[in-house]
Amino acid sequence: MLAKISSRFNKGGQKDQSDHATTALSSPNLSSAEMEALALSPPSSIWRPRSPKPSSRPTTPSKLVSKFAYNGSKDPKLSLAYPAFINRFPSYAKTQQLDNLREREFRRLQESRVVYMDYMGACLYPDFLVKEHLQLLTQQVVGNTHSDSPSSTLSEKHVSAARQAVLSFFNASPEEYVCIFTSNCTSALKIVGESFPFEPASRFVLAEDSHNSVNGIRKFAEQKGSNVEYIPSRLGGGFDESKMLDALRDGTDAPSLLALTGQSNISGFRPNLPVILSAAKKQGYYTLLDGAALSSTSKISLNGASSSTDHLNGQVDALAISFYKLFGYPTGVGALVARKDFLRKLKKPWFSGGTVEVVMFPSGLTESKVPWERFEEGTLNYASLAAIPAGLRMTQELISGPKAVLPLRLGILHRWLHEALEGIKHSNGAPVVKVLTPNRESVDANKSQLSLGMGYILSLTFHDPTGTRMRNAEVSRQAAALGISLRTGCGCNPGAAVGLLGLRDDMARMQESTQGMSERIIEYADIEGMYGQEVGVVRLSLGLVSNFRDVWEVERFVRGLAQ
């Protein structure tokens, strides 16, 4: 018995290839120049949210300070603190457009008096993106893309525009790369893990300072008997580049994979991507980049000369992201940007609706010949994908090119907050907090792109006057009472937390004592009891519309704990 799975067939029973070419926009065979042009200027038939426009009302210099620096706060202490801050960091004034953006698109921060310090958890979305997406949904009729009806064709146009916008944002040549939409970064990473052709002689190399969604790939490698090698975390987060390069020198003829995190979500560590990726490719490794944290504040360019972090010269075989990390909305949508030649090496362990052309019974099937369709399982979140291009345009203007003001601002705020918190003492001179992440003083805050550096994250522990650690839950509770949103715990990155807290030796002893035990019976309470302290931190992370008022409020909160 024969079952045709795809519903994109014409009356003659043959698959209608015009599904991918209903307009020039949806054709997968355009040149790079054509794709770039279309991604930037989609036709009028495609809904495109307008970019937020600056206010035309003139503003006097005195109003600029009160309106844009404080976003509505009238606290006299803040009014005194801000001029001193500007005197020390005069280049901060160059980032005024971010204050304009916050005033116009994020007024809910002012109205709710929330101090948002969890951009690594999720970026905040601008009002215009949600409002105009709602307008689309209430004015257009979109349907399941697995058809050729008018509503389905319209959905397909939106999906195609989003695909091309993603490739353009990451400077990924459509001749070499494709965009596969997923539910989030985790599912994008899982596609690679479950489909990679691991063998007993294969090697899977990754850093301990990796998100658990990267760590989880080791299960697929272990099932095939492959060797899993971790690069140990160092004090302060991240890893030693020399140890990573040494591990990569042990090449193998079997298919091997390097999973590299572009920026740690806990330590803020950013590895030297061009150096490490180049070394991996020379030894025959395939490369997977977790770009969820890095891509929200730094340009990642998959094509082009590999002279810095933002130009990787085709050395990334697959890049995984979540869009809510970049611009807040929509949630539940991610992407895997992958090389076509790499996808041909992957072997999916199962099939589903949308990934196959023909299914035979009781066995036999023909997979879709469209590269992304092989991996897009079931129906896409087609109603949300139309919001992607506008969010990417907004982000791109702020992190790359002549208006790349976001890295400049965040570097300054990060440095000020680090130094301010370290200077707060209890009455007996004991520090209130211990900042575990490195000091940014050596990082030039005026550079928007760095081949090395760190993200805009502070990981801390809080202490009473005797030096005893405060419980993270208590810190979170007191911060919440003042409207401060922060993150506590290991942030799904236990390797980074262990490194920051200096607990690697304790980890080794624990593994020795529990050798042979099932992972399922090791509880968190057991680990905490063995370490003698919480295995977690308080994380503060800066992002899209962070301003001086945010970091000043956090400093005031910590100073209150000292009193």
Protein backbone atom coordinates (compact mmCIF):
# COMPACT_ATOMS: atom_id res chain seq x y z
CA MET A 1 0.00 0.00 0.00
CA LEU A 2 1.31 3.45 -0.91
CA ALA A 3 0.66 6.59 1.14
CA LYS A 4 1.57 10.02 -0.19
CA ILE A 5 2.34 12.18 2.82
CA SER A 6 2.76 15.61 1.27
CA SER A 7 -0.45 17.39 0.32
CA ARG A 8 1.30 19.63 -2.19
CA PHE A 9 0.13 17.78 -5.31
CA ASN A 10 -1.52 19.08 -8.43
CA LYS A 11 -4.57 17.57 -10.04
CA GLY A 12 -2.39 15.13 -11.97
CA GLY A 13 -1.08 13.61 -8.77
CA GLN A 14 2.42 15.05 -9.13
CA LYS A 15 3.99 17.27 -6.48
CA ASP A 16 3.55 20.90 -7.41
CA GLN A 17 7.09 22.32 -7.33
CA SER A 18 5.62 25.82 -7.59
CA ASP A 19 4.99 25.55 -3.84
CA HIS A 20 8.54 26.76 -3.41
CA ALA A 21 8.37 29.21 -6.29
CA THR A 22 4.98 30.87 -6.11
CA THR A 23 6.87 34.14 -6.09
CA ALA A 24 10.49 35.02 -6.54
CA LEU A 25 10.62 35.46 -2.78
CA SER A 26 9.96 31.81 -2.01
CA SER A 27 12.38 30.28 -4.50
CA PRO A 28 15.29 28.44 -2.84
CA ASN A 29 17.46 28.86 -5.95
CA LEU A 30 18.07 32.61 -5.93
CA SER A 31 21.56 34.05 -5.94
CA SER A 32 23.09 35.54 -2.81
CA ALA A 33 22.54 39.08 -4.06
CA GLU A 34 18.90 38.37 -4.90
CA MET A 35 18.26 36.70 -1.57
CA GLU A 36 19.86 39.60 0.29
CA ALA A 37 17.74 42.12 -1.56
CA LEU A 38 14.55 40.21 -0.95
CA ALA A 39 15.31 39.69 2.72
CA LEU A 40 15.76 43.41 3.18
CA SER A 41 12.86 44.48 0.95
CA PRO A 42 10.09 41.87 0.82
CA PRO A 43 7.31 42.46 -1.70
CA SER A 44 4.16 44.28 -0.67
CA SER A 45 2.25 41.01 -0.49
CA ILE A 46 4.35 40.05 2.52
CA TRP A 47 3.41 41.61 5.81
CA ARG A 48 6.28 43.66 7.15
CA PRO A 49 6.09 45.46 10.48
CA ARG A 50 7.41 48.97 10.26
CA SER A 51 10.57 49.71 12.20
CA PRO A 52 10.00 52.00 15.16
CA LYS A 53 10.39 55.62 14.07
CA PRO A 54 12.18 58.23 16.13
CA SER A 55 10.11 61.00 17.59
CA SER A 56 10.01 64.16 15.50
CA ARG A 57 9.54 66.39 18.54
CA PRO A 58 12.59 68.50 19.39
CA THR A 59 14.19 67.80 22.74
CA THR A 60 16.36 70.17 24.71
CA PRO A 61 19.62 68.92 26.27
CA SER A 62 18.21 69.30 29.80
CA LYS A 63 15.23 67.14 28.92
CA LEU A 64 17.49 64.51 27.39
CA VAL A 65 19.07 63.80 30.76
CA SER A 66 15.87 63.47 32.75
CA LYS A 67 13.82 61.70 30.12
CA PHE A 68 16.27 59.33 28.54
CA ALA A 69 18.60 58.52 31.42
CA TYR A 70 16.00 57.81 34.07
CA ASN A 71 12.93 56.75 32.04
CA GLY A 72 10.55 58.43 34.43
CA SER A 73 12.42 58.03 37.71
CA LYS A 74 12.43 61.21 39.83
CA ASP A 75 14.67 59.89 42.60
CA PRO A 76 17.00 62.78 43.56
CA LYS A 77 19.83 60.36 44.37
CA LEU A 78 19.69 59.02 40.84
CA SER A 79 19.77 62.59 39.53
CA LEU A 80 23.04 63.08 41.37
CA ALA A 81 24.54 59.74 40.39
CA TYR A 82 23.95 60.04 36.65
CA PRO A 83 26.17 63.12 35.98
CA ALA A 84 29.05 61.43 37.80
CA PHE A 85 28.50 58.32 35.70
CA ILE A 86 28.52 60.36 32.46
CA ASN A 87 31.66 62.22 33.50
CA ARG A 88 33.43 58.89 33.88
CA PHE A 89 31.96 57.29 30.76
CA PRO A 90 31.27 60.16 28.30
CA SER A 91 30.91 57.76 25.35
CA TYR A 92 27.71 56.46 26.95
CA ALA A 93 26.00 59.55 25.51
CA LYS A 94 26.51 58.08 22.02
CA THR A 95 23.97 55.39 22.86
CA GLN A 96 20.99 57.71 23.24
CA GLN A 97 19.02 55.94 20.53
CA LEU A 98 18.58 53.02 22.93
CA ASP A 99 16.96 55.36 25.42
CA ASN A 100 14.71 56.59 22.60
CA LEU A 101 13.80 52.98 21.86
CA ARG A 102 13.06 52.24 25.51
CA GLU A 103 10.92 55.37 25.88
CA ARG A 104 8.93 54.56 22.78
CA GLU A 105 8.63 50.76 22.76
CA PHE A 106 9.14 49.63 26.36
CA ARG A 107 7.08 52.04 28.43
CA ARG A 108 5.77 49.08 30.41
CA LEU A 109 9.15 49.00 32.20
CA GLN A 110 8.55 52.49 33.52
CA GLU A 111 4.87 51.98 34.25
CA SER A 112 5.40 48.71 36.12
CA ARG A 113 8.65 49.93 37.73
CA VAL A 114 10.29 46.60 36.90
CA VAL A 115 14.09 46.49 36.89
CA TYR A 116 14.76 43.78 34.35
CA MET A 117 18.13 42.04 34.78
CA ASP A 118 17.50 38.68 33.11
CA TYR A 119 18.21 39.19 29.42
CA MET A 120 20.02 35.86 29.30
CA GLY A 121 16.73 34.28 30.29
CA ALA A 122 14.80 36.17 27.63
CA CYS A 123 15.07 39.45 25.78
CA LEU A 124 12.16 41.87 26.11
CA TYR A 125 10.01 42.48 23.03
CA PRO A 126 9.23 45.93 21.61
CA ASP A 127 5.59 47.00 21.50
CA PHE A 128 5.57 47.60 17.75
CA LEU A 129 6.50 43.98 16.98
CA VAL A 130 3.58 42.55 18.93
CA LYS A 131 1.02 45.16 17.88
CA GLU A 132 1.70 44.91 14.19
CA HIS A 133 1.87 41.14 14.30
CA LEU A 134 -1.57 41.21 15.90
CA GLN A 135 -2.69 43.44 13.05
CA LEU A 136 -1.48 40.83 10.56
CA LEU A 137 -3.31 38.01 12.34
CA THR A 138 -6.55 39.96 12.43
CA GLN A 139 -6.40 41.12 8.80
CA GLN A 140 -5.00 38.10 6.94
CA VAL A 141 -6.10 34.49 6.72
CA VAL A 142 -3.11 32.17 7.03
CA GLY A 143 -3.26 28.40 7.03
CA ASN A 144 -1.23 25.23 7.33
CA THR A 145 1.66 25.38 4.86
CA HIS A 146 1.20 21.69 3.94
CA SER A 147 -1.29 22.59 1.24
CA ASP A 148 -1.67 24.75 -1.87
CA SER A 149 -4.77 26.71 -0.83
CA PRO A 150 -4.71 30.54 -0.86
CA SER A 151 -4.31 30.73 2.92
CA SER A 152 -1.54 28.13 2.82
CA THR A 153 0.23 29.91 -0.01
CA LEU A 154 0.16 33.15 1.98
CA SER A 155 1.64 31.37 5.00
CA GLU A 156 4.36 29.90 2.79
CA LYS A 157 5.28 33.40 1.62
CA HIS A 158 5.68 34.58 5.21
CA VAL A 159 7.75 31.50 6.07
CA SER A 160 10.00 32.00 3.03
CA ALA A 161 10.53 35.67 3.90
CA ALA A 162 11.50 34.67 7.44
CA ARG A 163 13.94 32.02 6.16
CA GLN A 164 15.68 34.52 3.93
CA ALA A 165 15.80 37.15 6.67
CA VAL A 166 17.55 34.67 8.98
CA LEU A 167 20.15 33.78 6.35
CA SER A 168 20.73 37.47 5.68
CA PHE A 169 21.07 38.30 9.39
CA PHE A 170 23.82 35.71 9.83
CA ASN A 171 25.41 36.49 6.46
CA ALA A 172 24.87 32.88 5.43
CA SER A 173 25.06 32.30 1.70
CA PRO A 174 21.90 30.53 0.47
CA GLU A 175 24.13 28.56 -1.87
CA GLU A 176 25.82 27.01 1.18
CA TYR A 177 23.35 27.28 4.07
CA VAL A 178 19.68 26.64 4.75
CA CYS A 179 17.44 27.76 7.60
CA ILE A 180 15.50 25.05 9.43
CA PHE A 181 12.83 26.36 11.78
CA THR A 182 12.46 24.62 15.14
CA SER A 183 10.63 25.21 18.40
CA ASN A 184 13.75 26.65 20.10
CA CYS A 185 17.53 26.43 20.28
CA THR A 186 17.32 23.20 22.25
CA SER A 187 15.37 21.39 19.53
CA ALA A 188 17.84 22.71 16.93
CA LEU A 189 20.72 21.22 18.92
CA LYS A 190 18.82 17.97 19.31
CA ILE A 191 18.41 17.64 15.54
CA VAL A 192 22.19 17.57 15.19
CA GLY A 193 22.72 15.29 18.18
CA GLU A 194 20.20 12.62 17.23
CA SER A 195 21.12 12.67 13.53
CA PHE A 196 24.93 12.91 13.67
CA PRO A 197 26.60 9.69 12.42
CA PHE A 198 28.49 8.89 15.63
CA GLU A 199 30.58 5.71 15.56
CA PRO A 200 32.65 3.91 18.23
CA ALA A 201 35.78 5.70 16.96
CA SER A 202 34.08 9.12 16.84
CA ARG A 203 34.91 11.94 19.24
CA PHE A 204 32.51 14.47 20.72
CA VAL A 205 34.36 17.47 22.15
CA LEU A 206 32.70 20.18 24.24
CA ALA A 207 33.40 22.47 27.18
CA GLU A 208 32.11 21.91 30.70
CA ASP A 209 30.93 25.53 30.51
CA SER A 210 28.07 24.59 28.18
CA HIS A 211 24.29 24.71 28.44
CA ASN A 212 22.60 21.43 29.30
CA SER A 213 21.03 21.42 25.85
CA VAL A 214 24.58 21.02 24.52
CA ASN A 215 25.55 18.57 27.26
CA GLY A 216 22.58 16.40 26.30
CA ILE A 217 24.11 15.57 22.92
CA ARG A 218 26.58 13.34 24.76
CA LYS A 219 23.78 10.79 25.27
CA PHE A 220 23.59 10.22 21.51
CA ALA A 221 27.39 9.89 21.32
CA GLU A 222 27.50 7.48 24.24
CA GLN A 223 24.79 5.30 22.70
CA LYS A 224 27.09 4.73 19.71
CA GLY A 225 30.12 4.09 21.91
CA SER A 226 31.84 7.34 20.92
CA ASN A 227 34.42 9.08 23.08
CA VAL A 228 33.11 12.18 24.90
CA GLU A 229 35.79 14.66 25.94
CA TYR A 230 35.08 17.66 28.14
CA ILE A 231 37.34 20.70 28.35
CA PRO A 232 37.38 21.59 32.06
CA SER A 233 35.95 24.85 33.37
CA ARG A 234 38.40 27.30 34.85
CA LEU A 235 37.97 29.61 37.80
CA GLY A 236 36.07 32.62 36.47
CA GLY A 237 34.28 30.55 33.83
CA GLY A 238 35.09 29.40 30.34
CA PHE A 239 38.05 27.22 29.48
CA ASP A 240 41.72 27.42 28.57
CA GLU A 241 42.08 27.75 24.82
CA SER A 242 45.26 25.67 24.85
CA LYS A 243 43.41 22.71 26.39
CA MET A 244 40.71 22.94 23.76
CA LEU A 245 43.28 23.04 20.96
CA ASP A 246 45.14 20.07 22.49
CA ALA A 247 41.92 18.05 22.55
CA LEU A 248 41.20 18.87 18.91
CA ARG A 249 44.66 17.69 17.83
CA ASP A 250 43.54 14.15 18.59
CA GLY A 251 41.81 13.72 15.28
CA THR A 252 40.13 10.59 13.96
CA ASP A 253 38.94 9.27 10.64
CA ALA A 254 35.50 8.61 12.11
CA PRO A 255 32.90 11.40 11.99
CA SER A 256 33.57 13.65 15.00
CA LEU A 257 31.82 16.70 16.36
CA LEU A 258 32.86 19.86 18.21
CA ALA A 259 30.01 21.63 20.03
CA LEU A 260 31.09 25.15 20.90
CA THR A 261 29.17 27.73 22.92
CA GLY A 262 29.50 31.23 21.47
CA GLN A 263 28.90 32.83 24.87
CA SER A 264 28.33 31.19 28.22
CA ASN A 265 24.95 32.04 29.70
CA ILE A 266 26.41 32.04 33.24
CA SER A 267 30.05 33.15 33.05
CA GLY A 268 29.71 35.35 29.96
CA PHE A 269 32.85 33.72 28.53
CA ARG A 270 33.32 34.10 24.77
CA PRO A 271 35.87 31.78 23.18
CA ASN A 272 38.11 32.77 20.30
CA LEU A 273 35.79 31.33 17.68
CA PRO A 274 37.96 31.79 14.56
CA VAL A 275 40.99 30.10 16.13
CA ILE A 276 39.10 27.16 17.63
CA LEU A 277 36.82 26.56 14.66
CA SER A 278 39.75 26.69 12.25
CA ALA A 279 41.69 24.17 14.32
CA ALA A 280 38.68 21.85 14.46
CA LYS A 281 38.08 21.95 10.71
CA LYS A 282 41.76 21.24 9.99
CA GLN A 283 41.44 18.05 12.04
CA GLY A 284 38.29 16.99 10.20
CA TYR A 285 35.72 17.84 12.88
CA TYR A 286 32.21 18.97 12.11
CA THR A 287 31.30 22.07 14.08
CA LEU A 288 28.12 23.02 15.94
CA LEU A 289 27.78 26.52 17.43
CA ASP A 290 25.31 27.32 20.19
CA GLY A 291 24.59 30.95 19.35
CA ALA A 292 21.62 31.53 21.64
CA ALA A 293 23.42 33.91 24.03
CA LEU A 294 25.98 35.46 21.68
CA SER A 295 23.68 36.43 18.82
CA SER A 296 21.57 38.82 20.92
CA THR A 297 24.39 41.33 21.37
CA SER A 298 27.11 40.42 18.83
CA LYS A 299 27.13 39.96 15.08
CA ILE A 300 27.74 36.42 13.85
CA SER A 301 28.70 36.24 10.18
CA LEU A 302 28.88 32.69 8.88
CA ASN A 303 30.47 33.65 5.56
CA GLY A 304 33.37 35.99 5.01
CA ALA A 305 36.99 36.18 6.16
CA SER A 306 37.61 34.64 9.59
CA SER A 307 39.53 37.62 10.98
CA SER A 308 37.26 38.19 13.98
CA THR A 309 34.33 36.71 15.87
CA ASP A 310 31.80 38.08 13.44
CA HIS A 311 33.32 36.53 10.29
CA LEU A 312 33.65 32.77 10.46
CA ASN A 313 34.38 31.94 6.82
CA GLY A 314 32.03 28.99 6.49
CA GLN A 315 33.69 27.12 9.38
CA VAL A 316 30.42 26.63 11.26
CA ASP A 317 28.53 23.59 9.99
CA ALA A 318 25.44 24.33 12.09
CA LEU A 319 24.28 27.27 14.22
CA ALA A 320 21.44 26.95 16.77
CA ILE A 321 19.42 29.94 18.05
CA SER A 322 16.15 30.96 19.73
CA PHE A 323 14.45 34.14 18.54
CA TYR A 324 13.07 35.14 21.95
CA LYS A 325 16.69 35.44 23.09
CA LEU A 326 17.31 38.02 20.36
CA PHE A 327 14.22 40.23 20.50
CA GLY A 328 11.71 38.66 22.86
CA TYR A 329 8.95 37.65 20.46
CA PRO A 330 7.76 35.23 19.27
CA THR A 331 8.51 32.56 21.85
CA GLY A 332 8.47 28.93 20.82
CA VAL A 333 10.43 29.51 17.61
CA GLY A 334 14.10 28.78 16.96
CA ALA A 335 16.29 27.88 14.01
CA LEU A 336 19.12 25.67 12.89
CA VAL A 337 21.20 27.41 10.22
CA ALA A 338 23.17 24.59 8.63
CA ARG A 339 25.43 23.92 5.68
CA LYS A 340 23.80 21.88 2.95
CA ASP A 341 26.76 19.51 2.71
CA PHE A 342 26.58 18.94 6.48
CA LEU A 343 22.88 18.11 6.39
CA ARG A 344 23.58 15.39 3.84
CA LYS A 345 25.74 13.66 6.47
CA LEU A 346 22.95 13.59 9.05
CA LYS A 347 20.76 10.52 9.41
CA LYS A 348 17.43 11.19 11.06
CA PRO A 349 16.38 8.35 13.36
CA TRP A 350 12.69 8.73 12.52
CA PHE A 351 10.27 10.53 10.21
CA SER A 352 7.10 12.52 10.67
CA GLY A 353 4.55 14.55 8.79
CA GLY A 354 6.22 17.11 6.57
CA THR A 355 9.61 15.36 6.37
CA VAL A 356 8.84 12.67 3.77
CA GLU A 357 7.42 12.40 0.26
CA VAL A 358 6.30 8.77 0.23
CA VAL A 359 5.66 6.17 2.91
CA MET A 360 5.26 2.47 2.07
CA PHE A 361 3.60 -0.14 4.26
CA PRO A 362 4.83 -2.06 6.16
CA SER A 363 8.21 -0.41 5.42
CA GLY A 364 10.00 1.87 3.00
CA LEU A 365 9.90 5.64 2.54
CA THR A 366 11.24 8.51 0.45
CA GLU A 367 12.46 11.58 2.32
CA SER A 368 11.75 15.09 1.12
CA LYS A 369 14.36 16.41 -1.29
CA VAL A 370 13.96 19.93 0.07
CA PRO A 371 16.85 20.25 2.58
CA TRP A 372 14.94 21.99 5.37
CA GLU A 373 11.81 19.87 5.02
CA ARG A 374 13.73 16.75 6.06
CA PHE A 375 14.16 18.25 9.54
CA GLU A 376 11.06 20.39 10.08
CA GLU A 377 8.86 17.93 11.91
CA GLY A 378 5.14 18.42 11.60
CA THR A 379 3.54 21.81 11.06
CA LEU A 380 5.64 24.91 11.58
CA ASN A 381 4.59 27.75 13.85
CA TYR A 382 3.59 29.53 10.65
CA ALA A 383 1.40 32.15 12.35
CA SER A 384 4.38 33.49 14.33
CA LEU A 385 7.15 33.38 11.73
CA ALA A 386 5.96 36.56 10.02
CA ALA A 387 7.26 38.56 13.01
CA ILE A 388 10.85 37.33 12.57
CA PRO A 389 12.14 39.69 9.81
CA ALA A 390 11.22 42.91 11.63
CA GLY A 391 12.79 41.70 14.87
CA LEU A 392 15.99 40.81 13.04
CA ARG A 393 16.13 44.20 11.32
CA MET A 394 15.83 46.00 14.64
CA THR A 395 18.54 43.84 16.22
CA GLN A 396 20.90 44.13 13.29
CA GLU A 397 20.86 47.92 13.40
CA LEU A 398 21.89 47.88 17.05
CA ILE A 399 24.68 45.27 17.00
CA SER A 400 26.43 45.84 13.67
CA GLY A 401 27.33 48.63 11.30
CA PRO A 402 27.62 52.37 12.04
CA LYS A 403 24.76 52.30 14.57
CA ALA A 404 26.13 49.40 16.61
CA VAL A 405 25.54 51.12 19.94
CA LEU A 406 24.31 48.18 21.99
CA PRO A 407 27.74 46.58 22.70
CA LEU A 408 29.11 50.02 23.62
CA ARG A 409 26.34 50.71 26.13
CA LEU A 410 26.31 47.27 27.69
CA GLY A 411 30.07 47.22 28.12
CA ILE A 412 29.94 50.48 30.07
CA LEU A 413 27.01 49.45 32.25
CA HIS A 414 28.60 46.07 32.92
CA ARG A 415 31.88 47.62 34.05
CA TRP A 416 30.18 50.22 36.26
CA LEU A 417 27.98 47.66 37.96
CA HIS A 418 30.85 45.25 38.58
CA GLU A 419 32.96 47.90 40.25
CA ALA A 420 30.03 49.37 42.21
CA LEU A 421 29.00 46.01 43.68
CA GLU A 422 32.52 45.04 44.64
CA GLY A 423 32.81 48.30 46.57
CA ILE A 424 29.82 47.64 48.86
CA LYS A 425 30.82 46.44 52.35
CA HIS A 426 29.11 45.53 55.58
CA SER A 427 29.80 47.72 58.58
CA ASN A 428 32.67 45.42 59.60
CA GLY A 429 34.28 45.77 56.18
CA ALA A 430 33.20 42.36 54.89
CA PRO A 431 31.98 42.35 51.27
CA VAL A 432 28.27 41.95 50.64
CA VAL A 433 28.82 40.22 47.31
CA LYS A 434 31.55 38.24 45.64
CA VAL A 435 31.60 38.83 41.90
CA LEU A 436 32.64 35.54 40.31
CA THR A 437 32.89 36.71 36.71
CA PRO A 438 35.98 38.62 35.51
CA ASN A 439 36.34 42.39 35.77
CA ARG A 440 35.71 44.12 32.49
CA GLU A 441 38.39 46.76 32.99
CA SER A 442 40.64 45.14 30.41
CA VAL A 443 37.88 45.12 27.78
CA ASP A 444 37.67 48.23 25.61
CA ALA A 445 34.01 49.25 25.97
CA ASN A 446 34.25 51.48 22.90
CA LYS A 447 34.72 48.55 20.52
CA SER A 448 31.57 46.98 19.21
CA GLN A 449 33.27 43.79 17.98
CA LEU A 450 35.93 41.79 19.78
CA SER A 451 37.53 38.51 18.77
CA LEU A 452 37.91 37.80 22.48
CA GLY A 453 35.98 39.16 25.40
CA MET A 454 32.97 38.47 27.53
CA GLY A 455 29.25 38.92 27.58
CA TYR A 456 27.29 41.32 29.73
CA ILE A 457 26.74 39.04 32.70
CA LEU A 458 27.60 39.24 36.39
CA SER A 459 27.42 36.06 38.45
CA LEU A 460 27.53 36.64 42.20
CA THR A 461 27.25 35.15 45.63
CA PHE A 462 25.81 37.17 48.52
CA HIS A 463 27.24 37.07 52.05
CA ASP A 464 26.32 38.25 55.53
CA PRO A 465 28.79 40.15 57.76
CA THR A 466 30.36 36.86 58.94
CA GLY A 467 31.07 35.78 55.35
CA THR A 468 28.37 33.11 55.36
CA ARG A 469 26.55 32.79 52.05
CA MET A 470 22.98 33.99 51.86
CA ARG A 471 20.59 31.54 50.25
CA ASN A 472 19.95 32.39 46.62
CA ALA A 473 16.22 32.06 47.21
CA GLU A 474 16.39 34.73 49.92
CA VAL A 475 18.30 37.09 47.61
CA SER A 476 15.71 36.52 44.90
CA ARG A 477 12.85 37.13 47.34
CA GLN A 478 14.26 40.43 48.55
CA ALA A 479 15.06 41.56 45.01
CA ALA A 480 11.54 40.71 43.84
CA ALA A 481 10.09 42.85 46.62
CA LEU A 482 11.81 45.82 44.97
CA GLY A 483 10.73 44.86 41.44
CA ILE A 484 14.10 43.46 40.38
CA SER A 485 13.96 40.47 38.04
CA LEU A 486 17.12 38.35 38.22
CA ARG A 487 18.07 34.67 37.92
CA THR A 488 19.37 32.28 40.56
CA GLY A 489 20.71 28.74 40.31
CA CYS A 490 23.05 27.19 37.77
CA GLY A 491 21.09 28.49 34.77
CA CYS A 492 21.05 25.02 33.17
CA ASN A 493 24.85 25.27 33.00
CA PRO A 494 26.25 23.30 35.95
CA GLY A 495 29.75 23.22 34.45
CA ALA A 496 29.99 27.01 34.53
CA ALA A 497 28.58 27.22 38.07
CA VAL A 498 31.05 24.63 39.36
CA GLY A 499 33.90 26.50 37.71
CA LEU A 500 32.85 29.90 39.04
CA LEU A 501 32.47 28.55 42.57
CA GLY A 502 35.80 26.72 42.49
CA LEU A 503 34.22 23.32 43.07
CA ARG A 504 35.84 21.23 40.34
CA ASP A 505 37.94 19.22 42.83
CA ASP A 506 34.82 18.52 44.87
CA MET A 507 33.08 17.41 41.68
CA ALA A 508 35.88 14.94 40.97
CA ARG A 509 35.65 13.50 44.49
CA MET A 510 31.89 13.20 44.20
CA GLN A 511 32.18 11.32 40.92
CA GLU A 512 34.65 8.92 42.47
CA SER A 513 32.39 8.27 45.44
CA THR A 514 29.32 7.70 43.26
CA GLN A 515 31.02 5.70 40.54
CA GLY A 516 28.75 2.97 39.30
CA MET A 517 25.61 4.61 40.65
CA SER A 518 22.77 5.53 38.33
CA GLU A 519 22.43 9.24 37.56
CA ARG A 520 18.76 9.01 38.52
CA ILE A 521 19.43 8.46 42.22
CA ILE A 522 21.75 11.44 42.71
CA GLU A 523 19.62 14.25 44.06
CA TYR A 524 20.49 17.92 44.22
CA ALA A 525 20.37 17.81 48.03
CA ASP A 526 23.07 15.11 47.96
CA ILE A 527 25.30 17.29 45.80
CA GLU A 528 24.76 20.35 47.99
CA GLY A 529 25.52 18.31 51.09
CA MET A 530 28.75 17.04 49.60
CA TYR A 531 29.86 20.50 48.49
CA GLY A 532 28.75 22.16 51.72
CA GLN A 533 27.14 25.05 49.84
CA GLU A 534 24.62 25.88 47.15
CA VAL A 535 25.78 24.93 43.68
CA GLY A 536 24.32 27.99 42.05
CA VAL A 537 24.80 31.72 41.71
CA VAL A 538 22.84 34.93 41.40
CA ARG A 539 23.00 36.08 37.78
CA LEU A 540 22.51 39.63 36.54
CA SER A 541 22.41 40.00 32.76
CA LEU A 542 22.13 43.13 30.63
CA GLY A 543 20.50 43.44 27.23
CA LEU A 544 18.51 45.32 24.63
CA VAL A 545 17.19 48.29 26.62
CA SER A 546 19.23 48.19 29.82
CA ASN A 547 20.03 51.67 31.11
CA PHE A 548 21.77 53.42 33.98
CA ARG A 549 18.68 53.40 36.13
CA ASP A 550 18.63 49.56 36.02
CA VAL A 551 22.18 49.11 37.28
CA TRP A 552 21.78 51.94 39.79
CA GLU A 553 18.69 50.28 41.26
CA VAL A 554 20.60 47.00 41.63
CA GLU A 555 23.46 48.82 43.34
CA ARG A 556 20.98 50.44 45.72
CA PHE A 557 19.40 47.06 46.48
CA VAL A 558 22.77 45.53 47.38
CA ARG A 559 23.72 48.58 49.45
CA GLY A 560 20.47 48.10 51.36
CA LEU A 561 21.54 44.56 52.27
CA ALA A 562 24.70 46.00 53.79
CA GLN A 563 22.65 48.30 55.99
